[in-house]
mmCIF file of all heavy atoms, coordinates in Angstrom:
data_MODEL
# 
_entry.id   MODEL 
# 
loop_
_atom_site.group_PDB 
_atom_site.id 
_atom_site.type_symbol 
_atom_site.label_atom_id 
_atom_site.label_alt_id 
_atom_site.label_comp_id 
_atom_site.label_asym_id 
_atom_site.label_entity_id 
_atom_site.label_seq_id 
_atom_site.pdbx_PDB_ins_code 
_atom_site.Cartn_x 
_atom_site.Cartn_y 
_atom_site.Cartn_z 
_atom_site.occupancy 
_atom_site.B_iso_or_equiv 
_atom_site.pdbx_formal_charge 
_atom_site.auth_seq_id 
_atom_site.auth_comp_id 
_atom_site.auth_asym_id 
_atom_site.auth_atom_id 
_atom_site.pdbx_PDB_model_num 
ATOM 1   N N   . PRO A 1 1  ? -23.729 59.899 74.394 1.00 0.00 ? 1  PRO A N   1 
ATOM 2   C CA  . PRO A 1 1  ? -25.221 59.414 74.586 1.00 0.00 ? 1  PRO A CA  1 
ATOM 3   C C   . PRO A 1 1  ? -25.374 58.496 75.778 1.00 0.00 ? 1  PRO A C   1 
ATOM 4   O O   . PRO A 1 1  ? -24.394 57.641 76.003 1.00 0.00 ? 1  PRO A O   1 
ATOM 5   C CB  . PRO A 1 1  ? -25.506 58.835 73.206 1.00 0.00 ? 1  PRO A CB  1 
ATOM 6   C CG  . PRO A 1 1  ? -24.471 59.345 72.309 1.00 0.00 ? 1  PRO A CG  1 
ATOM 7   C CD  . PRO A 1 1  ? -23.172 59.567 73.003 1.00 0.00 ? 1  PRO A CD  1 
ATOM 8   N N   . VAL A 1 2  ? -26.408 58.578 76.371 1.00 0.00 ? 2  VAL A N   1 
ATOM 9   C CA  . VAL A 1 2  ? -26.741 57.680 77.676 1.00 0.00 ? 2  VAL A CA  1 
ATOM 10  C C   . VAL A 1 2  ? -26.653 56.190 77.107 1.00 0.00 ? 2  VAL A C   1 
ATOM 11  O O   . VAL A 1 2  ? -26.213 55.356 77.822 1.00 0.00 ? 2  VAL A O   1 
ATOM 12  C CB  . VAL A 1 2  ? -28.129 57.967 78.179 1.00 0.00 ? 2  VAL A CB  1 
ATOM 13  C CG1 . VAL A 1 2  ? -28.518 56.926 79.153 1.00 0.00 ? 2  VAL A CG1 1 
ATOM 14  C CG2 . VAL A 1 2  ? -28.128 59.375 78.722 1.00 0.00 ? 2  VAL A CG2 1 
ATOM 15  N N   . LYS A 1 3  ? -27.049 55.863 75.857 1.00 0.00 ? 3  LYS A N   1 
ATOM 16  C CA  . LYS A 1 3  ? -27.057 54.459 75.306 1.00 0.00 ? 3  LYS A CA  1 
ATOM 17  C C   . LYS A 1 3  ? -25.678 53.965 75.396 1.00 0.00 ? 3  LYS A C   1 
ATOM 18  O O   . LYS A 1 3  ? -25.523 52.611 75.593 1.00 0.00 ? 3  LYS A O   1 
ATOM 19  C CB  . LYS A 1 3  ? -27.474 54.469 73.918 1.00 0.00 ? 3  LYS A CB  1 
ATOM 20  C CG  . LYS A 1 3  ? -29.087 54.740 73.816 1.00 0.00 ? 3  LYS A CG  1 
ATOM 21  C CD  . LYS A 1 3  ? -29.397 54.562 72.289 1.00 0.00 ? 3  LYS A CD  1 
ATOM 22  C CE  . LYS A 1 3  ? -30.859 54.688 72.132 1.00 0.00 ? 3  LYS A CE  1 
ATOM 23  N NZ  . LYS A 1 3  ? -31.239 54.654 70.684 1.00 0.00 ? 3  LYS A NZ  1 
ATOM 24  N N   . THR A 1 4  ? -24.608 54.678 75.376 1.00 0.00 ? 4  THR A N   1 
ATOM 25  C CA  . THR A 1 4  ? -23.278 54.112 75.228 1.00 0.00 ? 4  THR A CA  1 
ATOM 26  C C   . THR A 1 4  ? -22.941 53.468 76.633 1.00 0.00 ? 4  THR A C   1 
ATOM 27  O O   . THR A 1 4  ? -21.916 52.839 76.735 1.00 0.00 ? 4  THR A O   1 
ATOM 28  C CB  . THR A 1 4  ? -22.216 55.116 74.949 1.00 0.00 ? 4  THR A CB  1 
ATOM 29  O OG1 . THR A 1 4  ? -22.286 56.273 75.805 1.00 0.00 ? 4  THR A OG1 1 
ATOM 30  C CG2 . THR A 1 4  ? -22.540 55.637 73.546 1.00 0.00 ? 4  THR A CG2 1 
ATOM 31  N N   . GLY A 1 5  ? -23.642 53.759 77.661 1.00 0.00 ? 5  GLY A N   1 
ATOM 32  C CA  . GLY A 1 5  ? -23.447 53.146 78.993 1.00 0.00 ? 5  GLY A CA  1 
ATOM 33  C C   . GLY A 1 5  ? -23.813 51.722 79.029 1.00 0.00 ? 5  GLY A C   1 
ATOM 34  O O   . GLY A 1 5  ? -23.320 51.026 79.966 1.00 0.00 ? 5  GLY A O   1 
ATOM 35  N N   . PHE A 1 6  ? -24.409 51.154 77.993 1.00 0.00 ? 6  PHE A N   1 
ATOM 36  C CA  . PHE A 1 6  ? -24.753 49.768 77.721 1.00 0.00 ? 6  PHE A CA  1 
ATOM 37  C C   . PHE A 1 6  ? -23.717 49.065 76.894 1.00 0.00 ? 6  PHE A C   1 
ATOM 38  O O   . PHE A 1 6  ? -23.613 49.511 75.774 1.00 0.00 ? 6  PHE A O   1 
ATOM 39  C CB  . PHE A 1 6  ? -26.145 49.597 77.306 1.00 0.00 ? 6  PHE A CB  1 
ATOM 40  C CG  . PHE A 1 6  ? -27.269 50.193 78.134 1.00 0.00 ? 6  PHE A CG  1 
ATOM 41  C CD1 . PHE A 1 6  ? -27.605 51.426 78.063 1.00 0.00 ? 6  PHE A CD1 1 
ATOM 42  C CD2 . PHE A 1 6  ? -27.976 49.292 79.100 1.00 0.00 ? 6  PHE A CD2 1 
ATOM 43  C CE1 . PHE A 1 6  ? -28.645 52.037 79.075 1.00 0.00 ? 6  PHE A CE1 1 
ATOM 44  C CE2 . PHE A 1 6  ? -28.854 49.723 79.904 1.00 0.00 ? 6  PHE A CE2 1 
ATOM 45  C CZ  . PHE A 1 6  ? -29.188 51.171 79.914 1.00 0.00 ? 6  PHE A CZ  1 
ATOM 46  N N   . LYS A 1 7  ? -23.029 48.107 77.481 1.00 0.00 ? 7  LYS A N   1 
ATOM 47  C CA  . LYS A 1 7  ? -22.059 47.398 76.717 1.00 0.00 ? 7  LYS A CA  1 
ATOM 48  C C   . LYS A 1 7  ? -22.223 45.988 76.637 1.00 0.00 ? 7  LYS A C   1 
ATOM 49  O O   . LYS A 1 7  ? -22.710 45.338 77.653 1.00 0.00 ? 7  LYS A O   1 
ATOM 50  C CB  . LYS A 1 7  ? -20.650 47.723 77.436 1.00 0.00 ? 7  LYS A CB  1 
ATOM 51  C CG  . LYS A 1 7  ? -19.397 47.153 76.758 1.00 0.00 ? 7  LYS A CG  1 
ATOM 52  C CD  . LYS A 1 7  ? -18.137 47.506 77.489 1.00 0.00 ? 7  LYS A CD  1 
ATOM 53  C CE  . LYS A 1 7  ? -16.968 46.952 76.697 1.00 0.00 ? 7  LYS A CE  1 
ATOM 54  N NZ  . LYS A 1 7  ? -16.965 45.419 76.417 1.00 0.00 ? 7  LYS A NZ  1 
ATOM 55  N N   . ALA A 1 8  ? -22.015 45.377 75.479 1.00 0.00 ? 8  ALA A N   1 
ATOM 56  C CA  . ALA A 1 8  ? -22.133 44.001 75.407 1.00 0.00 ? 8  ALA A CA  1 
ATOM 57  C C   . ALA A 1 8  ? -21.045 43.277 76.063 1.00 0.00 ? 8  ALA A C   1 
ATOM 58  O O   . ALA A 1 8  ? -19.980 43.777 76.366 1.00 0.00 ? 8  ALA A O   1 
ATOM 59  C CB  . ALA A 1 8  ? -22.061 43.579 73.914 1.00 0.00 ? 8  ALA A CB  1 
ATOM 60  N N   . ARG A 1 9  ? -21.429 41.995 76.510 1.00 0.00 ? 9  ARG A N   1 
ATOM 61  C CA  . ARG A 1 9  ? -20.492 41.233 77.257 1.00 0.00 ? 9  ARG A CA  1 
ATOM 62  C C   . ARG A 1 9  ? -19.335 40.728 76.326 1.00 0.00 ? 9  ARG A C   1 
ATOM 63  O O   . ARG A 1 9  ? -19.507 40.928 75.099 1.00 0.00 ? 9  ARG A O   1 
ATOM 64  C CB  . ARG A 1 9  ? -21.050 39.892 77.880 1.00 0.00 ? 9  ARG A CB  1 
ATOM 65  C CG  . ARG A 1 9  ? -21.525 38.849 76.868 1.00 0.00 ? 9  ARG A CG  1 
ATOM 66  C CD  . ARG A 1 9  ? -21.898 37.521 77.670 1.00 0.00 ? 9  ARG A CD  1 
ATOM 67  N NE  . ARG A 1 9  ? -22.989 37.730 78.476 1.00 0.00 ? 9  ARG A NE  1 
ATOM 68  C CZ  . ARG A 1 9  ? -24.283 37.357 78.228 1.00 0.00 ? 9  ARG A CZ  1 
ATOM 69  N NH1 . ARG A 1 9  ? -24.482 36.541 77.014 1.00 0.00 ? 9  ARG A NH1 1 
ATOM 70  N NH2 . ARG A 1 9  ? -25.351 37.431 78.980 1.00 0.00 ? 9  ARG A NH2 1 
ATOM 71  N N   . ASP A 1 10 ? -18.292 40.367 76.883 1.00 0.00 ? 10 ASP A N   1 
ATOM 72  C CA  . ASP A 1 10 ? -17.108 39.978 76.067 1.00 0.00 ? 10 ASP A CA  1 
ATOM 73  C C   . ASP A 1 10 ? -17.462 38.932 75.045 1.00 0.00 ? 10 ASP A C   1 
ATOM 74  O O   . ASP A 1 10 ? -18.021 37.931 75.415 1.00 0.00 ? 10 ASP A O   1 
ATOM 75  C CB  . ASP A 1 10 ? -15.831 39.498 77.041 1.00 0.00 ? 10 ASP A CB  1 
ATOM 76  C CG  . ASP A 1 10 ? -15.333 40.670 77.822 1.00 0.00 ? 10 ASP A CG  1 
ATOM 77  O OD1 . ASP A 1 10 ? -15.572 41.789 77.521 1.00 0.00 ? 10 ASP A OD1 1 
ATOM 78  O OD2 . ASP A 1 10 ? -14.706 40.286 78.949 1.00 0.00 ? 10 ASP A OD2 1 
ATOM 79  N N   . GLY A 1 11 ? -16.974 39.255 73.932 1.00 0.00 ? 11 GLY A N   1 
ATOM 80  C CA  . GLY A 1 11 ? -17.238 38.244 72.666 1.00 0.00 ? 11 GLY A CA  1 
ATOM 81  C C   . GLY A 1 11 ? -18.612 38.294 72.164 1.00 0.00 ? 11 GLY A C   1 
ATOM 82  O O   . GLY A 1 11 ? -18.951 37.510 71.283 1.00 0.00 ? 11 GLY A O   1 
ATOM 83  N N   . TRP A 1 12 ? -19.465 39.320 72.709 1.00 0.00 ? 12 TRP A N   1 
ATOM 84  C CA  . TRP A 1 12 ? -20.739 39.446 72.160 1.00 0.00 ? 12 TRP A CA  1 
ATOM 85  C C   . TRP A 1 12 ? -20.976 40.907 71.568 1.00 0.00 ? 12 TRP A C   1 
ATOM 86  O O   . TRP A 1 12 ? -20.066 41.732 71.815 1.00 0.00 ? 12 TRP A O   1 
ATOM 87  C CB  . TRP A 1 12 ? -21.797 39.306 73.215 1.00 0.00 ? 12 TRP A CB  1 
ATOM 88  C CG  . TRP A 1 12 ? -22.009 37.828 73.695 1.00 0.00 ? 12 TRP A CG  1 
ATOM 89  C CD1 . TRP A 1 12 ? -21.149 36.892 74.035 1.00 0.00 ? 12 TRP A CD1 1 
ATOM 90  C CD2 . TRP A 1 12 ? -23.302 37.131 73.795 1.00 0.00 ? 12 TRP A CD2 1 
ATOM 91  N NE1 . TRP A 1 12 ? -21.667 35.688 74.359 1.00 0.00 ? 12 TRP A NE1 1 
ATOM 92  C CE2 . TRP A 1 12 ? -22.971 35.831 74.192 1.00 0.00 ? 12 TRP A CE2 1 
ATOM 93  C CE3 . TRP A 1 12 ? -24.653 37.555 73.547 1.00 0.00 ? 12 TRP A CE3 1 
ATOM 94  C CZ2 . TRP A 1 12 ? -24.071 34.891 74.428 1.00 0.00 ? 12 TRP A CZ2 1 
ATOM 95  C CZ3 . TRP A 1 12 ? -25.645 36.625 73.825 1.00 0.00 ? 12 TRP A CZ3 1 
ATOM 96  C CH2 . TRP A 1 12 ? -25.347 35.300 74.162 1.00 0.00 ? 12 TRP A CH2 1 
ATOM 97  N N   . VAL A 1 13 ? -21.989 41.151 70.808 1.00 0.00 ? 13 VAL A N   1 
ATOM 98  C CA  . VAL A 1 13 ? -22.260 42.439 70.308 1.00 0.00 ? 13 VAL A CA  1 
ATOM 99  C C   . VAL A 1 13 ? -23.783 42.610 70.434 1.00 0.00 ? 13 VAL A C   1 
ATOM 100 O O   . VAL A 1 13 ? -24.639 41.607 70.521 1.00 0.00 ? 13 VAL A O   1 
ATOM 101 C CB  . VAL A 1 13 ? -21.928 42.562 68.775 1.00 0.00 ? 13 VAL A CB  1 
ATOM 102 C CG1 . VAL A 1 13 ? -20.451 42.603 68.661 1.00 0.00 ? 13 VAL A CG1 1 
ATOM 103 C CG2 . VAL A 1 13 ? -22.562 41.354 67.926 1.00 0.00 ? 13 VAL A CG2 1 
ATOM 104 N N   . PHE A 1 14 ? -24.283 43.933 70.219 1.00 0.00 ? 14 PHE A N   1 
ATOM 105 C CA  . PHE A 1 14 ? -25.693 44.240 70.023 1.00 0.00 ? 14 PHE A CA  1 
ATOM 106 C C   . PHE A 1 14 ? -25.976 44.250 68.689 1.00 0.00 ? 14 PHE A C   1 
ATOM 107 O O   . PHE A 1 14 ? -25.059 44.651 67.931 1.00 0.00 ? 14 PHE A O   1 
ATOM 108 C CB  . PHE A 1 14 ? -25.898 45.626 70.753 1.00 0.00 ? 14 PHE A CB  1 
ATOM 109 C CG  . PHE A 1 14 ? -25.739 45.716 72.299 1.00 0.00 ? 14 PHE A CG  1 
ATOM 110 C CD1 . PHE A 1 14 ? -25.124 46.587 72.832 1.00 0.00 ? 14 PHE A CD1 1 
ATOM 111 C CD2 . PHE A 1 14 ? -26.637 44.788 72.978 1.00 0.00 ? 14 PHE A CD2 1 
ATOM 112 C CE1 . PHE A 1 14 ? -24.962 46.596 74.178 1.00 0.00 ? 14 PHE A CE1 1 
ATOM 113 C CE2 . PHE A 1 14 ? -26.536 44.827 74.316 1.00 0.00 ? 14 PHE A CE2 1 
ATOM 114 C CZ  . PHE A 1 14 ? -25.779 45.824 74.945 1.00 0.00 ? 14 PHE A CZ  1 
ATOM 115 N N   . VAL A 1 15 ? -27.080 43.886 68.238 1.00 0.00 ? 15 VAL A N   1 
ATOM 116 C CA  . VAL A 1 15 ? -27.548 44.082 66.851 1.00 0.00 ? 15 VAL A CA  1 
ATOM 117 C C   . VAL A 1 15 ? -28.918 44.611 66.940 1.00 0.00 ? 15 VAL A C   1 
ATOM 118 O O   . VAL A 1 15 ? -29.778 44.088 67.680 1.00 0.00 ? 15 VAL A O   1 
ATOM 119 C CB  . VAL A 1 15 ? -27.516 42.712 65.942 1.00 0.00 ? 15 VAL A CB  1 
ATOM 120 C CG1 . VAL A 1 15 ? -28.340 41.637 66.705 1.00 0.00 ? 15 VAL A CG1 1 
ATOM 121 C CG2 . VAL A 1 15 ? -27.983 42.947 64.552 1.00 0.00 ? 15 VAL A CG2 1 
ATOM 122 N N   . GLU A 1 16 ? -29.184 45.755 66.176 1.00 0.00 ? 16 GLU A N   1 
ATOM 123 C CA  . GLU A 1 16 ? -30.458 46.374 66.215 1.00 0.00 ? 16 GLU A CA  1 
ATOM 124 C C   . GLU A 1 16 ? -31.017 46.564 64.800 1.00 0.00 ? 16 GLU A C   1 
ATOM 125 O O   . GLU A 1 16 ? -30.267 46.944 63.902 1.00 0.00 ? 16 GLU A O   1 
ATOM 126 C CB  . GLU A 1 16 ? -30.158 47.793 66.838 1.00 0.00 ? 16 GLU A CB  1 
ATOM 127 C CG  . GLU A 1 16 ? -31.473 48.638 66.992 1.00 0.00 ? 16 GLU A CG  1 
ATOM 128 C CD  . GLU A 1 16 ? -31.315 50.006 67.520 1.00 0.00 ? 16 GLU A CD  1 
ATOM 129 O OE1 . GLU A 1 16 ? -30.619 50.868 66.764 1.00 0.00 ? 16 GLU A OE1 1 
ATOM 130 O OE2 . GLU A 1 16 ? -31.671 50.310 68.739 1.00 0.00 ? 16 GLU A OE2 1 
ATOM 131 N N   . ALA A 1 17 ? -32.307 46.454 64.780 1.00 0.00 ? 17 ALA A N   1 
ATOM 132 C CA  . ALA A 1 17 ? -33.002 46.776 63.425 1.00 0.00 ? 17 ALA A CA  1 
ATOM 133 C C   . ALA A 1 17 ? -34.083 47.677 63.716 1.00 0.00 ? 17 ALA A C   1 
ATOM 134 O O   . ALA A 1 17 ? -34.765 47.612 64.734 1.00 0.00 ? 17 ALA A O   1 
ATOM 135 C CB  . ALA A 1 17 ? -33.451 45.328 62.758 1.00 0.00 ? 17 ALA A CB  1 
ATOM 136 N N   . ASP A 1 18 ? -34.349 48.625 62.774 1.00 0.00 ? 18 ASP A N   1 
ATOM 137 C CA  . ASP A 1 18 ? -35.315 49.597 62.951 1.00 0.00 ? 18 ASP A CA  1 
ATOM 138 C C   . ASP A 1 18 ? -35.955 49.832 61.617 1.00 0.00 ? 18 ASP A C   1 
ATOM 139 O O   . ASP A 1 18 ? -35.400 49.810 60.613 1.00 0.00 ? 18 ASP A O   1 
ATOM 140 C CB  . ASP A 1 18 ? -34.940 50.906 63.573 1.00 0.00 ? 18 ASP A CB  1 
ATOM 141 C CG  . ASP A 1 18 ? -34.010 51.700 62.615 1.00 0.00 ? 18 ASP A CG  1 
ATOM 142 O OD1 . ASP A 1 18 ? -32.815 51.124 62.547 1.00 0.00 ? 18 ASP A OD1 1 
ATOM 143 O OD2 . ASP A 1 18 ? -34.384 52.736 62.095 1.00 0.00 ? 18 ASP A OD2 1 
ATOM 144 N N   . TYR A 1 19 ? -37.375 50.041 61.646 1.00 0.00 ? 19 TYR A N   1 
ATOM 145 C CA  . TYR A 1 19 ? -38.196 50.182 60.357 1.00 0.00 ? 19 TYR A CA  1 
ATOM 146 C C   . TYR A 1 19 ? -37.699 51.553 59.784 1.00 0.00 ? 19 TYR A C   1 
ATOM 147 O O   . TYR A 1 19 ? -37.589 52.535 60.512 1.00 0.00 ? 19 TYR A O   1 
ATOM 148 C CB  . TYR A 1 19 ? -39.608 50.205 60.782 1.00 0.00 ? 19 TYR A CB  1 
ATOM 149 C CG  . TYR A 1 19 ? -40.106 48.783 60.976 1.00 0.00 ? 19 TYR A CG  1 
ATOM 150 C CD1 . TYR A 1 19 ? -40.635 48.535 62.224 1.00 0.00 ? 19 TYR A CD1 1 
ATOM 151 C CD2 . TYR A 1 19 ? -39.970 47.737 60.003 1.00 0.00 ? 19 TYR A CD2 1 
ATOM 152 C CE1 . TYR A 1 19 ? -41.212 47.289 62.504 1.00 0.00 ? 19 TYR A CE1 1 
ATOM 153 C CE2 . TYR A 1 19 ? -40.463 46.588 60.354 1.00 0.00 ? 19 TYR A CE2 1 
ATOM 154 C CZ  . TYR A 1 19 ? -41.172 46.303 61.556 1.00 0.00 ? 19 TYR A CZ  1 
ATOM 155 O OH  . TYR A 1 19 ? -41.632 44.965 61.790 1.00 0.00 ? 19 TYR A OH  1 
ATOM 156 N N   . LYS A 1 20 ? -37.466 51.592 58.371 1.00 0.00 ? 20 LYS A N   1 
ATOM 157 C CA  . LYS A 1 20 ? -37.078 52.661 57.636 1.00 0.00 ? 20 LYS A CA  1 
ATOM 158 C C   . LYS A 1 20 ? -38.324 53.567 57.331 1.00 0.00 ? 20 LYS A C   1 
ATOM 159 O O   . LYS A 1 20 ? -39.249 53.014 56.705 1.00 0.00 ? 20 LYS A O   1 
ATOM 160 C CB  . LYS A 1 20 ? -36.433 52.285 56.354 1.00 0.00 ? 20 LYS A CB  1 
ATOM 161 C CG  . LYS A 1 20 ? -34.965 51.588 56.581 1.00 0.00 ? 20 LYS A CG  1 
ATOM 162 C CD  . LYS A 1 20 ? -34.240 51.581 55.269 1.00 0.00 ? 20 LYS A CD  1 
ATOM 163 C CE  . LYS A 1 20 ? -34.806 50.498 54.490 1.00 0.00 ? 20 LYS A CE  1 
ATOM 164 N NZ  . LYS A 1 20 ? -33.902 50.208 53.271 1.00 0.00 ? 20 LYS A NZ  1 
ATOM 165 N N   . SER A 1 21 ? -38.378 54.709 57.796 1.00 0.00 ? 21 SER A N   1 
ATOM 166 C CA  . SER A 1 21 ? -39.549 55.696 57.480 1.00 0.00 ? 21 SER A CA  1 
ATOM 167 C C   . SER A 1 21 ? -40.902 55.011 57.766 1.00 0.00 ? 21 SER A C   1 
ATOM 168 O O   . SER A 1 21 ? -41.606 55.001 56.876 1.00 0.00 ? 21 SER A O   1 
ATOM 169 C CB  . SER A 1 21 ? -39.363 56.119 55.992 1.00 0.00 ? 21 SER A CB  1 
ATOM 170 O OG  . SER A 1 21 ? -38.195 56.819 55.796 1.00 0.00 ? 21 SER A OG  1 
ATOM 171 N N   . ALA A 1 22 ? -40.905 54.283 58.801 1.00 0.00 ? 22 ALA A N   1 
ATOM 172 C CA  . ALA A 1 22 ? -42.158 53.438 59.046 1.00 0.00 ? 22 ALA A CA  1 
ATOM 173 C C   . ALA A 1 22 ? -43.454 54.195 58.998 1.00 0.00 ? 22 ALA A C   1 
ATOM 174 O O   . ALA A 1 22 ? -44.414 53.790 58.388 1.00 0.00 ? 22 ALA A O   1 
ATOM 175 C CB  . ALA A 1 22 ? -42.028 52.783 60.453 1.00 0.00 ? 22 ALA A CB  1 
ATOM 176 N N   . GLU A 1 23 ? -43.524 55.425 59.664 1.00 0.00 ? 23 GLU A N   1 
ATOM 177 C CA  . GLU A 1 23 ? -44.783 55.990 59.616 1.00 0.00 ? 23 GLU A CA  1 
ATOM 178 C C   . GLU A 1 23 ? -45.148 56.620 58.171 1.00 0.00 ? 23 GLU A C   1 
ATOM 179 O O   . GLU A 1 23 ? -46.400 56.561 57.802 1.00 0.00 ? 23 GLU A O   1 
ATOM 180 C CB  . GLU A 1 23 ? -44.701 57.263 60.589 1.00 0.00 ? 23 GLU A CB  1 
ATOM 181 C CG  . GLU A 1 23 ? -44.843 56.953 62.069 1.00 0.00 ? 23 GLU A CG  1 
ATOM 182 C CD  . GLU A 1 23 ? -43.406 56.824 62.634 1.00 0.00 ? 23 GLU A CD  1 
ATOM 183 O OE1 . GLU A 1 23 ? -42.394 56.763 61.846 1.00 0.00 ? 23 GLU A OE1 1 
ATOM 184 O OE2 . GLU A 1 23 ? -43.354 56.730 63.885 1.00 0.00 ? 23 GLU A OE2 1 
ATOM 185 N N   . LEU A 1 24 ? -44.090 56.901 57.487 1.00 0.00 ? 24 LEU A N   1 
ATOM 186 C CA  . LEU A 1 24 ? -44.257 57.526 56.078 1.00 0.00 ? 24 LEU A CA  1 
ATOM 187 C C   . LEU A 1 24 ? -45.006 56.349 55.148 1.00 0.00 ? 24 LEU A C   1 
ATOM 188 O O   . LEU A 1 24 ? -45.916 56.636 54.533 1.00 0.00 ? 24 LEU A O   1 
ATOM 189 C CB  . LEU A 1 24 ? -42.986 58.001 55.489 1.00 0.00 ? 24 LEU A CB  1 
ATOM 190 C CG  . LEU A 1 24 ? -43.033 58.981 54.369 1.00 0.00 ? 24 LEU A CG  1 
ATOM 191 C CD1 . LEU A 1 24 ? -43.701 60.297 54.961 1.00 0.00 ? 24 LEU A CD1 1 
ATOM 192 C CD2 . LEU A 1 24 ? -41.623 59.212 53.802 1.00 0.00 ? 24 LEU A CD2 1 
ATOM 193 N N   . PHE A 1 25 ? -44.327 55.113 55.181 1.00 0.00 ? 25 PHE A N   1 
ATOM 194 C CA  . PHE A 1 25 ? -44.760 54.054 54.493 1.00 0.00 ? 25 PHE A CA  1 
ATOM 195 C C   . PHE A 1 25 ? -46.240 53.644 54.942 1.00 0.00 ? 25 PHE A C   1 
ATOM 196 O O   . PHE A 1 25 ? -47.022 53.251 54.119 1.00 0.00 ? 25 PHE A O   1 
ATOM 197 C CB  . PHE A 1 25 ? -43.844 53.056 54.439 1.00 0.00 ? 25 PHE A CB  1 
ATOM 198 C CG  . PHE A 1 25 ? -42.654 53.173 53.406 1.00 0.00 ? 25 PHE A CG  1 
ATOM 199 C CD1 . PHE A 1 25 ? -41.490 53.865 53.824 1.00 0.00 ? 25 PHE A CD1 1 
ATOM 200 C CD2 . PHE A 1 25 ? -42.721 52.861 52.080 1.00 0.00 ? 25 PHE A CD2 1 
ATOM 201 C CE1 . PHE A 1 25 ? -40.577 54.098 52.981 1.00 0.00 ? 25 PHE A CE1 1 
ATOM 202 C CE2 . PHE A 1 25 ? -41.742 53.044 51.186 1.00 0.00 ? 25 PHE A CE2 1 
ATOM 203 C CZ  . PHE A 1 25 ? -40.595 53.688 51.646 1.00 0.00 ? 25 PHE A CZ  1 
ATOM 204 N N   . THR A 1 26 ? -46.363 53.693 56.283 1.00 0.00 ? 26 THR A N   1 
ATOM 205 C CA  . THR A 1 26 ? -47.661 53.135 56.761 1.00 0.00 ? 26 THR A CA  1 
ATOM 206 C C   . THR A 1 26 ? -48.758 54.129 56.263 1.00 0.00 ? 26 THR A C   1 
ATOM 207 O O   . THR A 1 26 ? -49.884 53.695 55.957 1.00 0.00 ? 26 THR A O   1 
ATOM 208 C CB  . THR A 1 26 ? -47.551 53.136 58.317 1.00 0.00 ? 26 THR A CB  1 
ATOM 209 O OG1 . THR A 1 26 ? -46.631 52.123 58.636 1.00 0.00 ? 26 THR A OG1 1 
ATOM 210 C CG2 . THR A 1 26 ? -48.945 52.762 58.865 1.00 0.00 ? 26 THR A CG2 1 
ATOM 211 N N   . LEU A 1 27 ? -48.511 55.427 56.422 1.00 0.00 ? 27 LEU A N   1 
ATOM 212 C CA  . LEU A 1 27 ? -49.377 56.382 55.833 1.00 0.00 ? 27 LEU A CA  1 
ATOM 213 C C   . LEU A 1 27 ? -49.779 56.186 54.460 1.00 0.00 ? 27 LEU A C   1 
ATOM 214 O O   . LEU A 1 27 ? -50.944 56.172 54.056 1.00 0.00 ? 27 LEU A O   1 
ATOM 215 C CB  . LEU A 1 27 ? -48.916 57.862 56.004 1.00 0.00 ? 27 LEU A CB  1 
ATOM 216 C CG  . LEU A 1 27 ? -49.741 59.086 55.515 1.00 0.00 ? 27 LEU A CG  1 
ATOM 217 C CD1 . LEU A 1 27 ? -51.050 59.146 56.168 1.00 0.00 ? 27 LEU A CD1 1 
ATOM 218 C CD2 . LEU A 1 27 ? -48.984 60.273 55.511 1.00 0.00 ? 27 LEU A CD2 1 
# 
């Protein structure tokens, strides 16, 4: 995937949070 071209700097990590079934619960 294109996203894998983005790498964290040494000693760091990416952390991502996304809403679960956001549109479903919002509806």
